[in-house]
Each structure stands twice: as structure tokens, then as C-alpha cells.
Amino acid sequence: MEKKNKIGFNAFQLKMMSLALYVIGRSLIAISYTRYDGAGFDRGPWAPFYFMGYIMTYIAFPMIAFLTVEAVLKTRSLRQLFTRLAFAAVITELLLDLVTYGKAAFNFGRDFLKSPAIESNCNFYFTLLIGAATVCLMEKLIKPRFSPGSVLFTLFSILIMLLACVLATFIGCEQGSIGVLTLSAFYMLYDSRLFMLTGVAALQIISLGLAKMWLIVGAPIIGTLPVLFYDHKEGRKNGLIRLITYAAYPCIYGAVLLTLRLLGGKD
């Protein structure tokens, strides 16, 4: 990274900011889509909430991705980091599928493949897990053997990223291959903050353009700005805070989905 900013956000502040934005954003999307049949950016009374939900999630994700890359590069125990991510991904998926589909989500009988949970997307912890694994392989496996910037380093890194993108797309992660590439871009351009943020913003904007979500293309740019003022300090850090950061999304978002399911119907 380039020289530190005298005034900025520490890791704890970025974490809380991005977590709040992501949880509220996903909740708004779920509420607007569920309470109004097929809410979109330009139709229905819930459209403003749908619009705002996507803006908030796309502002939050660059910060979440950056903090995940920071964790991979600076953690004292990669085993603990990946254990926490994997545990959070599995538990979150089980919880969200349960509150959304009820018993149908865990039908292991002959109709298992018809279970609605099988067709649903995996939560964003899976995206972070795959992206973190991609960064870890490049940092611990490729970098020690080949000089960064060399042809072989680039080729092997691209191969790892492609395989990770295929996996993320296959299991249907939130943001899919673009999410994995976002984490990879943070790592590949880590030594140049300007290029790093520009590259990440460009990736996110391209993904929104391909999805024809033109109204929110500016959201990822906003999401990279707090990273620009990251001061390289951890801020508050203890076991309780770590638990809250991992449990807040499945608990709060799960409660929203359960409430919507119990209410039933659409306006």
C-alpha cells in the first residue's frame, strides 16, 4: 500500500459500515420483492426500496472484499480464518434455506433434487471463502515460486482465478465470478491503491452493465471510497466483535426472511 492517511477508517469501522449496509440492503431487497410480486427498479410501489437495497449491497461489497483480502494477508492463522469462513457459509446457508423454504429445504428423500433450496443461490460467505482461497493460493503457492509480474506468475494466477470463477458460478454464489475477481483484483493490485480501487470499481461496473442494472453503476465507486481512506489500523478487536460480525447477517437477514414467510402472500 501507499503511505498511510492521517485521518481515515480503521478495519473495525469499515467492517461495521459494510456489514450494516449489506444486511439492510439485502433485507430491503427481500422485503420489496416478497411483498410486491416481482419488484424491479422501475415498477411497483416497492421499487424505491428495491433500488435502495441494491445500491447499499453494491456499496458494501467492495469494502467486505477488501477486508477479506486484508485478513488473508495479515492473519496469524489461515486455518482459523478459513474455518470461520467455511463454518459461517454453511451455517448461514442452512439457516436461510430453513427460514425461507421450511422443511422443503431439507427434503433428503426421493424429491431431494426438486427441493427449492437446491436451486437457490449460495450466500456471500461462499463468495468470500472461494475468493479468499484464490488469494491464498496466489500468495502462498504462486508468489514464492515465481516473481510477481512475471509471465509464469500471471499465467498461473489467471488459471487459479478461472477455476475459482467456474466454482463460484457453478454453486451460484452471490456476485458469482465477479465477486471472486473482485477479491483477486484487490490482491493483484494491492501495492497501488489507485489502480486497485479503479480496477475493482471497473469490475463491479462491468458486472452491473452486463446485468443491465444501469441505475446503480455508481454504487461500487462509492463503495471503494472508504477503502481509499483506510488507515491500516485494526481498531476494536475481540472474540465478541468477531462473533457479531459473522452472526449478524444470518441472524438479522434470517429473521427478516422468516417474518416474510410467516406473513405470506404479496400486496
C-alpha atoms as a PDB file:
ATOM      1  CA  MET A   1       0.000   0.000   0.000  1.00  0.00           C
ATOM      2  CA  GLU A   2       0.967   3.619  -0.390  1.00  0.00           C
ATOM      3  CA  LYS A   3       1.607   5.908   2.577  1.00  0.00           C
ATOM      4  CA  LYS A   4      -0.951   5.876   5.339  1.00  0.00           C
ATOM      5  CA  ASN A   5      -3.611   8.517   5.721  1.00  0.00           C
ATOM      6  CA  LYS A   6      -3.514  10.596   8.906  1.00  0.00           C
ATOM      7  CA  ILE A   7      -7.313  10.613   9.026  1.00  0.00           C
ATOM      8  CA  GLY A   8      -9.343   7.659   7.893  1.00  0.00           C
ATOM      9  CA  PHE A   9     -11.251   4.490   8.717  1.00  0.00           C
ATOM     10  CA  ASN A  10      -9.777   1.574  10.615  1.00  0.00           C
ATOM     11  CA  ALA A  11     -10.672  -2.056   9.907  1.00  0.00           C
ATOM     12  CA  PHE A  12     -13.325  -2.185  12.626  1.00  0.00           C
ATOM     13  CA  GLN A  13     -15.095   0.898  11.283  1.00  0.00           C
ATOM     14  CA  LEU A  14     -15.010  -0.415   7.708  1.00  0.00           C
ATOM     15  CA  LYS A  15     -16.319  -3.762   8.930  1.00  0.00           C
ATOM     16  CA  MET A  16     -19.263  -2.261  10.817  1.00  0.00           C
ATOM     17  CA  MET A  17     -20.090   0.128   7.997  1.00  0.00           C
ATOM     18  CA  SER A  18     -20.070  -2.549   5.298  1.00  0.00           C
ATOM     19  CA  LEU A  19     -21.930  -5.062   7.467  1.00  0.00           C
ATOM     20  CA  ALA A  20     -24.739  -2.608   8.240  1.00  0.00           C
ATOM     21  CA  LEU A  21     -25.073  -1.633   4.588  1.00  0.00           C
ATOM     22  CA  TYR A  22     -25.109  -5.229   3.383  1.00  0.00           C
ATOM     23  CA  VAL A  23     -27.599  -6.537   5.945  1.00  0.00           C
ATOM     24  CA  ILE A  24     -30.010  -3.634   5.483  1.00  0.00           C
ATOM     25  CA  GLY A  25     -29.608  -3.765   1.702  1.00  0.00           C
ATOM     26  CA  ARG A  26     -30.325  -7.485   1.418  1.00  0.00           C
ATOM     27  CA  SER A  27     -33.288  -7.093   3.764  1.00  0.00           C
ATOM     28  CA  LEU A  28     -34.771  -4.278   1.673  1.00  0.00           C
ATOM     29  CA  ILE A  29     -34.411  -6.374  -1.483  1.00  0.00           C
ATOM     30  CA  ALA A  30     -36.123  -9.352   0.149  1.00  0.00           C
ATOM     31  CA  ILE A  31     -38.949  -7.273   1.617  1.00  0.00           C
ATOM     32  CA  SER A  32     -39.690  -5.345  -1.580  1.00  0.00           C
ATOM     33  CA  TYR A  33     -39.513  -8.415  -3.811  1.00  0.00           C
ATOM     34  CA  THR A  34     -41.612 -10.587  -1.499  1.00  0.00           C
ATOM     35  CA  ARG A  35     -44.286  -8.053  -0.597  1.00  0.00           C
ATOM     36  CA  TYR A  36     -44.738  -6.959  -4.189  1.00  0.00           C
ATOM     37  CA  ASP A  37     -44.795  -9.580  -6.931  1.00  0.00           C
ATOM     38  CA  GLY A  38     -41.593  -9.158  -8.917  1.00  0.00           C
ATOM     39  CA  ALA A  39     -40.498  -5.723  -7.704  1.00  0.00           C
ATOM     40  CA  GLY A  40     -37.995  -4.067 -10.009  1.00  0.00           C
ATOM     41  CA  PHE A  41     -36.139  -0.820 -10.411  1.00  0.00           C
ATOM     42  CA  ASP A  42     -38.900   0.789 -12.435  1.00  0.00           C
ATOM     43  CA  ARG A  43     -42.163  -0.811 -11.407  1.00  0.00           C
ATOM     44  CA  GLY A  44     -44.359  -1.231  -8.355  1.00  0.00           C
ATOM     45  CA  PRO A  45     -44.756   0.755  -5.135  1.00  0.00           C
ATOM     46  CA  TRP A  46     -41.797  -1.058  -3.596  1.00  0.00           C
ATOM     47  CA  ALA A  47     -39.393  -0.103  -6.398  1.00  0.00           C
ATOM     48  CA  PRO A  48     -37.604   2.628  -4.349  1.00  0.00           C
ATOM     49  CA  PHE A  49     -36.804   0.119  -1.594  1.00  0.00           C
ATOM     50  CA  TYR A  50     -35.647  -2.451  -4.146  1.00  0.00           C
ATOM     51  CA  PHE A  51     -33.459   0.196  -5.763  1.00  0.00           C
ATOM     52  CA  MET A  52     -32.015   1.347  -2.440  1.00  0.00           C
ATOM     53  CA  GLY A  53     -31.327  -2.249  -1.346  1.00  0.00           C
ATOM     54  CA  TYR A  54     -29.162  -2.944  -4.375  1.00  0.00           C
ATOM     55  CA  ILE A  55     -27.331   0.356  -4.011  1.00  0.00           C
ATOM     56  CA  MET A  56     -26.458  -0.493  -0.402  1.00  0.00           C
ATOM     57  CA  THR A  57     -25.228  -4.024  -1.185  1.00  0.00           C
ATOM     58  CA  TYR A  58     -23.047  -2.839  -4.056  1.00  0.00           C
ATOM     59  CA  ILE A  59     -21.574  -0.111  -1.868  1.00  0.00           C
ATOM     60  CA  ALA A  60     -20.853  -2.655   0.864  1.00  0.00           C
ATOM     61  CA  PHE A  61     -19.316  -5.478  -1.170  1.00  0.00           C
ATOM     62  CA  PRO A  62     -16.043  -3.739  -2.204  1.00  0.00           C
ATOM     63  CA  MET A  63     -15.357  -2.982   1.463  1.00  0.00           C
ATOM     64  CA  ILE A  64     -16.167  -6.555   2.519  1.00  0.00           C
ATOM     65  CA  ALA A  65     -13.958  -7.971  -0.243  1.00  0.00           C
ATOM     66  CA  PHE A  66     -11.064  -5.688   0.690  1.00  0.00           C
ATOM     67  CA  LEU A  67     -11.252  -6.622   4.373  1.00  0.00           C
ATOM     68  CA  THR A  68     -11.264 -10.309   3.439  1.00  0.00           C
ATOM     69  CA  VAL A  69      -8.086  -9.884   1.387  1.00  0.00           C
ATOM     70  CA  GLU A  70      -6.535  -7.946   4.274  1.00  0.00           C
ATOM     71  CA  ALA A  71      -7.405 -10.828   6.596  1.00  0.00           C
ATOM     72  CA  VAL A  72      -5.762 -13.388   4.296  1.00  0.00           C
ATOM     73  CA  LEU A  73      -2.570 -11.363   4.011  1.00  0.00           C
ATOM     74  CA  LYS A  74      -2.256 -10.346   7.654  1.00  0.00           C
ATOM     75  CA  THR A  75      -3.826 -13.102   9.744  1.00  0.00           C
ATOM     76  CA  ARG A  76      -1.617 -15.147  12.049  1.00  0.00           C
ATOM     77  CA  SER A  77      -3.649 -18.288  11.370  1.00  0.00           C
ATOM     78  CA  LEU A  78      -5.035 -19.012   7.918  1.00  0.00           C
ATOM     79  CA  ARG A  79      -6.531 -22.222   9.282  1.00  0.00           C
ATOM     80  CA  GLN A  80      -8.678 -20.310  11.745  1.00  0.00           C
ATOM     81  CA  LEU A  81      -9.707 -17.774   9.115  1.00  0.00           C
ATOM     82  CA  PHE A  82     -10.843 -20.407   6.615  1.00  0.00           C
ATOM     83  CA  THR A  83     -12.517 -22.451   9.341  1.00  0.00           C
ATOM     84  CA  ARG A  84     -14.561 -19.414  10.385  1.00  0.00           C
ATOM     85  CA  LEU A  85     -15.488 -18.553   6.784  1.00  0.00           C
ATOM     86  CA  ALA A  86     -16.469 -22.134   5.955  1.00  0.00           C
ATOM     87  CA  PHE A  87     -18.487 -22.505   9.161  1.00  0.00           C
ATOM     88  CA  ALA A  88     -20.247 -19.170   8.567  1.00  0.00           C
ATOM     89  CA  ALA A  89     -21.021 -20.114   4.949  1.00  0.00           C
ATOM     90  CA  VAL A  90     -22.553 -23.498   5.798  1.00  0.00           C
ATOM     91  CA  ILE A  91     -24.491 -22.374   8.880  1.00  0.00           C
ATOM     92  CA  THR A  92     -25.793 -19.266   7.098  1.00  0.00           C
ATOM     93  CA  GLU A  93     -26.949 -21.310   4.113  1.00  0.00           C
ATOM     94  CA  LEU A  94     -28.719 -23.874   6.282  1.00  0.00           C
ATOM     95  CA  LEU A  95     -30.417 -21.169   8.334  1.00  0.00           C
ATOM     96  CA  LEU A  96     -31.527 -19.041   5.385  1.00  0.00           C
ATOM     97  CA  ASP A  97     -32.828 -22.053   3.447  1.00  0.00           C
ATOM     98  CA  LEU A  98     -34.719 -23.264   6.511  1.00  0.00           C
ATOM     99  CA  VAL A  99     -36.469 -19.964   7.223  1.00  0.00           C
ATOM    100  CA  THR A 100     -37.226 -19.454   3.517  1.00  0.00           C
ATOM    101  CA  TYR A 101     -38.446 -22.900   2.474  1.00  0.00           C
ATOM    102  CA  GLY A 102     -39.160 -24.690   5.739  1.00  0.00           C
ATOM    103  CA  LYS A 103     -38.946 -28.470   5.637  1.00  0.00           C
ATOM    104  CA  ALA A 104     -38.809 -28.408   1.821  1.00  0.00           C
ATOM    105  CA  ALA A 105     -35.254 -27.103   2.048  1.00  0.00           C
ATOM    106  CA  PHE A 106     -34.070 -30.322   3.675  1.00  0.00           C
ATOM    107  CA  ASN A 107     -36.034 -32.976   1.825  1.00  0.00           C
ATOM    108  CA  PHE A 108     -33.454 -35.751   1.538  1.00  0.00           C
ATOM    109  CA  GLY A 109     -35.981 -38.238   0.173  1.00  0.00           C
ATOM    110  CA  ARG A 110     -36.671 -39.068  -3.445  1.00  0.00           C
ATOM    111  CA  ASP A 111     -37.719 -35.460  -4.167  1.00  0.00           C
ATOM    112  CA  PHE A 112     -34.423 -34.008  -2.912  1.00  0.00           C
ATOM    113  CA  LEU A 113     -33.366 -32.668  -6.314  1.00  0.00           C
ATOM    114  CA  LYS A 114     -36.687 -30.848  -6.578  1.00  0.00           C
ATOM    115  CA  SER A 115     -36.112 -29.026  -3.309  1.00  0.00           C
ATOM    116  CA  PRO A 116     -36.275 -25.233  -3.856  1.00  0.00           C
ATOM    117  CA  ALA A 117     -33.119 -24.777  -1.779  1.00  0.00           C
ATOM    118  CA  ILE A 118     -31.147 -26.725  -4.385  1.00  0.00           C
ATOM    119  CA  GLU A 119     -31.938 -24.051  -6.963  1.00  0.00           C
ATOM    120  CA  SER A 120     -31.269 -21.076  -4.685  1.00  0.00           C
ATOM    121  CA  ASN A 121     -28.059 -19.061  -4.697  1.00  0.00           C
ATOM    122  CA  CYS A 122     -25.388 -19.609  -2.049  1.00  0.00           C
ATOM    123  CA  ASN A 123     -24.828 -16.790   0.438  1.00  0.00           C
ATOM    124  CA  PHE A 124     -21.977 -14.309   0.113  1.00  0.00           C
ATOM    125  CA  TYR A 125     -19.805 -16.136   2.672  1.00  0.00           C
ATOM    126  CA  PHE A 126     -19.206 -18.768  -0.025  1.00  0.00           C
ATOM    127  CA  THR A 127     -18.043 -15.994  -2.361  1.00  0.00           C
ATOM    128  CA  LEU A 128     -15.641 -14.725   0.312  1.00  0.00           C
ATOM    129  CA  LEU A 129     -14.438 -18.264   1.043  1.00  0.00           C
ATOM    130  CA  ILE A 130     -13.659 -19.023  -2.614  1.00  0.00           C
ATOM    131  CA  GLY A 131     -12.140 -15.579  -3.162  1.00  0.00           C
ATOM    132  CA  ALA A 132     -10.002 -15.871  -0.033  1.00  0.00           C
ATOM    133  CA  ALA A 133      -8.798 -19.314  -1.133  1.00  0.00           C
ATOM    134  CA  THR A 134      -7.873 -17.861  -4.530  1.00  0.00           C
ATOM    135  CA  VAL A 135      -5.864 -15.065  -2.913  1.00  0.00           C
ATOM    136  CA  CYS A 136      -4.215 -17.527  -0.518  1.00  0.00           C
ATOM    137  CA  LEU A 137      -3.115 -19.825  -3.360  1.00  0.00           C
ATOM    138  CA  MET A 138      -1.613 -16.923  -5.278  1.00  0.00           C
ATOM    139  CA  GLU A 139       0.135 -15.558  -2.175  1.00  0.00           C
ATOM    140  CA  LYS A 140       1.392 -18.829  -0.662  1.00  0.00           C
ATOM    141  CA  LEU A 141       1.770 -21.112  -3.681  1.00  0.00           C
ATOM    142  CA  ILE A 142       2.469 -18.989  -6.764  1.00  0.00           C
ATOM    143  CA  LYS A 143       4.276 -15.936  -5.365  1.00  0.00           C
ATOM    144  CA  PRO A 144       7.090 -17.862  -3.585  1.00  0.00           C
ATOM    145  CA  ARG A 145       7.913 -19.734  -6.812  1.00  0.00           C
ATOM    146  CA  PHE A 146       7.555 -17.051  -9.454  1.00  0.00           C
ATOM    147  CA  SER A 147       8.374 -13.358  -9.360  1.00  0.00           C
ATOM    148  CA  PRO A 148       5.220 -11.184  -9.183  1.00  0.00           C
ATOM    149  CA  GLY A 149       4.585  -9.632 -12.574  1.00  0.00           C
ATOM    150  CA  SER A 150       6.412 -12.383 -14.445  1.00  0.00           C
ATOM    151  CA  VAL A 151       4.732 -14.331 -17.241  1.00  0.00           C
ATOM    152  CA  LEU A 152       4.531 -17.566 -15.234  1.00  0.00           C
ATOM    153  CA  PHE A 153       3.161 -15.799 -12.169  1.00  0.00           C
ATOM    154  CA  THR A 154       0.487 -14.150 -14.301  1.00  0.00           C
ATOM    155  CA  LEU A 155      -0.428 -17.354 -16.161  1.00  0.00           C
ATOM    156  CA  PHE A 156      -0.746 -19.490 -13.032  1.00  0.00           C
ATOM    157  CA  SER A 157      -2.665 -16.744 -11.251  1.00  0.00           C
ATOM    158  CA  ILE A 158      -5.106 -16.463 -14.153  1.00  0.00           C
ATOM    159  CA  LEU A 159      -5.578 -20.229 -14.142  1.00  0.00           C
ATOM    160  CA  ILE A 160      -6.394 -20.239 -10.423  1.00  0.00           C
ATOM    161  CA  MET A 161      -8.796 -17.333 -10.847  1.00  0.00           C
ATOM    162  CA  LEU A 162     -10.573 -19.031 -13.760  1.00  0.00           C
ATOM    163  CA  LEU A 163     -11.045 -22.247 -11.780  1.00  0.00           C
ATOM    164  CA  ALA A 164     -12.346 -20.253  -8.813  1.00  0.00           C
ATOM    165  CA  CYS A 165     -14.762 -18.361 -11.070  1.00  0.00           C
ATOM    166  CA  VAL A 166     -16.100 -21.614 -12.504  1.00  0.00           C
ATOM    167  CA  LEU A 167     -16.669 -22.970  -8.997  1.00  0.00           C
ATOM    168  CA  ALA A 168     -18.383 -19.771  -7.812  1.00  0.00           C
ATOM    169  CA  THR A 169     -20.642 -19.760 -10.872  1.00  0.00           C
ATOM    170  CA  PHE A 170     -21.430 -23.479 -10.557  1.00  0.00           C
ATOM    171  CA  ILE A 171     -22.634 -23.249  -6.961  1.00  0.00           C
ATOM    172  CA  GLY A 172     -24.373 -19.918  -7.541  1.00  0.00           C
ATOM    173  CA  CYS A 173     -22.572 -17.629  -5.109  1.00  0.00           C
ATOM    174  CA  GLU A 174     -23.797 -14.076  -4.605  1.00  0.00           C
ATOM    175  CA  GLN A 175     -21.937 -11.950  -7.181  1.00  0.00           C
ATOM    176  CA  GLY A 176     -20.515 -15.218  -8.572  1.00  0.00           C
ATOM    177  CA  SER A 177     -17.373 -14.931 -10.654  1.00  0.00           C
ATOM    178  CA  ILE A 178     -17.354 -11.127 -10.407  1.00  0.00           C
ATOM    179  CA  GLY A 179     -17.181 -11.419  -6.628  1.00  0.00           C
ATOM    180  CA  VAL A 180     -14.188 -13.752  -6.854  1.00  0.00           C
ATOM    181  CA  LEU A 181     -12.485 -11.485  -9.394  1.00  0.00           C
ATOM    182  CA  THR A 182     -13.101  -8.516  -7.094  1.00  0.00           C
ATOM    183  CA  LEU A 183     -11.127 -10.156  -4.293  1.00  0.00           C
ATOM    184  CA  SER A 184      -8.461 -11.201  -6.795  1.00  0.00           C
ATOM    185  CA  ALA A 185      -8.173  -7.644  -8.131  1.00  0.00           C
ATOM    186  CA  PHE A 186      -7.687  -6.296  -4.614  1.00  0.00           C
ATOM    187  CA  TYR A 187      -4.780  -8.735  -4.229  1.00  0.00           C
ATOM    188  CA  MET A 188      -3.199  -8.361  -7.673  1.00  0.00           C
ATOM    189  CA  LEU A 189      -3.242  -4.543  -7.478  1.00  0.00           C
ATOM    190  CA  TYR A 190      -2.605  -4.347  -3.728  1.00  0.00           C
ATOM    191  CA  ASP A 191       0.597  -2.311  -3.993  1.00  0.00           C
ATOM    192  CA  SER A 192      -1.075   0.540  -5.875  1.00  0.00           C
ATOM    193  CA  ARG A 193      -4.123   1.877  -4.087  1.00  0.00           C
ATOM    194  CA  LEU A 194      -5.277   3.990  -7.044  1.00  0.00           C
ATOM    195  CA  PHE A 195      -5.050   1.136  -9.570  1.00  0.00           C
ATOM    196  CA  MET A 196      -6.545  -1.282  -7.048  1.00  0.00           C
ATOM    197  CA  LEU A 197      -9.666   0.792  -6.439  1.00  0.00           C
ATOM    198  CA  THR A 198     -10.034   1.727 -10.095  1.00  0.00           C
ATOM    199  CA  GLY A 199      -9.785  -1.927 -11.139  1.00  0.00           C
ATOM    200  CA  VAL A 200     -12.299  -3.092  -8.547  1.00  0.00           C
ATOM    201  CA  ALA A 201     -14.774  -0.346  -9.409  1.00  0.00           C
ATOM    202  CA  ALA A 202     -14.420  -1.176 -13.105  1.00  0.00           C
ATOM    203  CA  LEU A 203     -15.133  -4.884 -12.487  1.00  0.00           C
ATOM    204  CA  GLN A 204     -18.233  -4.114 -10.450  1.00  0.00           C
ATOM    205  CA  ILE A 205     -19.494  -1.584 -13.007  1.00  0.00           C
ATOM    206  CA  ILE A 206     -18.989  -4.099 -15.835  1.00  0.00           C
ATOM    207  CA  SER A 207     -20.992  -6.696 -13.921  1.00  0.00           C
ATOM    208  CA  LEU A 208     -23.824  -4.228 -13.367  1.00  0.00           C
ATOM    209  CA  GLY A 209     -23.722  -3.241 -17.017  1.00  0.00           C
ATOM    210  CA  LEU A 210     -23.947  -6.855 -18.149  1.00  0.00           C
ATOM    211  CA  ALA A 211     -26.922  -7.306 -15.808  1.00  0.00           C
ATOM    212  CA  LYS A 212     -28.451  -4.109 -17.282  1.00  0.00           C
ATOM    213  CA  MET A 213     -28.600  -2.524 -13.825  1.00  0.00           C
ATOM    214  CA  TRP A 214     -27.544   0.874 -15.144  1.00  0.00           C
ATOM    215  CA  LEU A 215     -29.259   2.864 -12.408  1.00  0.00           C
ATOM    216  CA  ILE A 216     -26.805   1.732  -9.738  1.00  0.00           C
ATOM    217  CA  VAL A 217     -23.484   1.653 -11.620  1.00  0.00           C
ATOM    218  CA  GLY A 218     -22.151   4.400  -9.364  1.00  0.00           C
ATOM    219  CA  ALA A 219     -22.618   2.344  -6.189  1.00  0.00           C
ATOM    220  CA  PRO A 220     -19.308   0.386  -6.426  1.00  0.00           C
ATOM    221  CA  ILE A 221     -17.408   3.646  -6.868  1.00  0.00           C
ATOM    222  CA  ILE A 222     -18.908   4.923  -3.621  1.00  0.00           C
ATOM    223  CA  GLY A 223     -18.025   1.594  -2.007  1.00  0.00           C
ATOM    224  CA  THR A 224     -14.329   1.957  -2.849  1.00  0.00           C
ATOM    225  CA  LEU A 225     -14.014   5.450  -1.376  1.00  0.00           C
ATOM    226  CA  PRO A 226     -13.866   4.357   2.304  1.00  0.00           C
ATOM    227  CA  VAL A 227     -11.087   1.911   1.341  1.00  0.00           C
ATOM    228  CA  LEU A 228      -9.173   4.884  -0.051  1.00  0.00           C
ATOM    229  CA  PHE A 229      -9.096   6.296   3.480  1.00  0.00           C
ATOM    230  CA  TYR A 230      -8.195   3.040   5.226  1.00  0.00           C
ATOM    231  CA  ASP A 231      -5.599   3.835   7.906  1.00  0.00           C
ATOM    232  CA  HIS A 232      -4.175   0.281   8.311  1.00  0.00           C
ATOM    233  CA  LYS A 233      -5.263   0.080  11.959  1.00  0.00           C
ATOM    234  CA  GLU A 234      -7.365  -2.762  13.343  1.00  0.00           C
ATOM    235  CA  GLY A 235      -9.496  -0.762  15.755  1.00  0.00           C
ATOM    236  CA  ARG A 236     -11.591  -2.750  18.211  1.00  0.00           C
ATOM    237  CA  LYS A 237     -10.962  -6.474  18.083  1.00  0.00           C
ATOM    238  CA  ASN A 238     -12.057  -9.275  20.396  1.00  0.00           C
ATOM    239  CA  GLY A 239     -13.973 -12.530  20.352  1.00  0.00           C
ATOM    240  CA  LEU A 240     -17.374 -10.905  20.848  1.00  0.00           C
ATOM    241  CA  ILE A 241     -16.890  -8.478  17.975  1.00  0.00           C
ATOM    242  CA  ARG A 242     -15.751 -11.324  15.730  1.00  0.00           C
ATOM    243  CA  LEU A 243     -18.844 -13.339  16.662  1.00  0.00           C
ATOM    244  CA  ILE A 244     -21.130 -10.394  15.950  1.00  0.00           C
ATOM    245  CA  THR A 245     -19.590  -9.747  12.546  1.00  0.00           C
ATOM    246  CA  TYR A 246     -20.097 -13.355  11.468  1.00  0.00           C
ATOM    247  CA  ALA A 247     -23.527 -13.855  13.072  1.00  0.00           C
ATOM    248  CA  ALA A 248     -25.207 -10.520  12.309  1.00  0.00           C
ATOM    249  CA  TYR A 249     -26.001 -11.290   8.669  1.00  0.00           C
ATOM    250  CA  PRO A 250     -27.573 -14.760   9.073  1.00  0.00           C
ATOM    251  CA  CYS A 251     -29.442 -13.787  12.251  1.00  0.00           C
ATOM    252  CA  ILE A 252     -30.885 -10.442  11.114  1.00  0.00           C
ATOM    253  CA  TYR A 253     -31.462 -11.388   7.472  1.00  0.00           C
ATOM    254  CA  GLY A 254     -32.812 -14.778   8.562  1.00  0.00           C
ATOM    255  CA  ALA A 255     -35.284 -13.070  10.896  1.00  0.00           C
ATOM    256  CA  VAL A 256     -36.470 -10.882   8.010  1.00  0.00           C
ATOM    257  CA  LEU A 257     -36.944 -13.894   5.707  1.00  0.00           C
ATOM    258  CA  LEU A 258     -38.791 -15.828   8.411  1.00  0.00           C
ATOM    259  CA  THR A 259     -41.123 -12.881   9.049  1.00  0.00           C
ATOM    260  CA  LEU A 260     -41.859 -12.578   5.340  1.00  0.00           C
ATOM    261  CA  ARG A 261     -42.586 -16.291   5.101  1.00  0.00           C
ATOM    262  CA  LEU A 262     -44.939 -16.201   8.073  1.00  0.00           C
ATOM    263  CA  LEU A 263     -46.779 -13.180   6.671  1.00  0.00           C
ATOM    264  CA  GLY A 264     -47.150 -14.942   3.332  1.00  0.00           C
ATOM    265  CA  GLY A 265     -48.734 -13.557   0.193  1.00  0.00           C
ATOM    266  CA  LYS A 266     -47.925 -10.412  -1.739  1.00  0.00           C
ATOM    267  CA  ASP A 267     -49.521  -6.979  -1.871  1.00  0.00           C
END
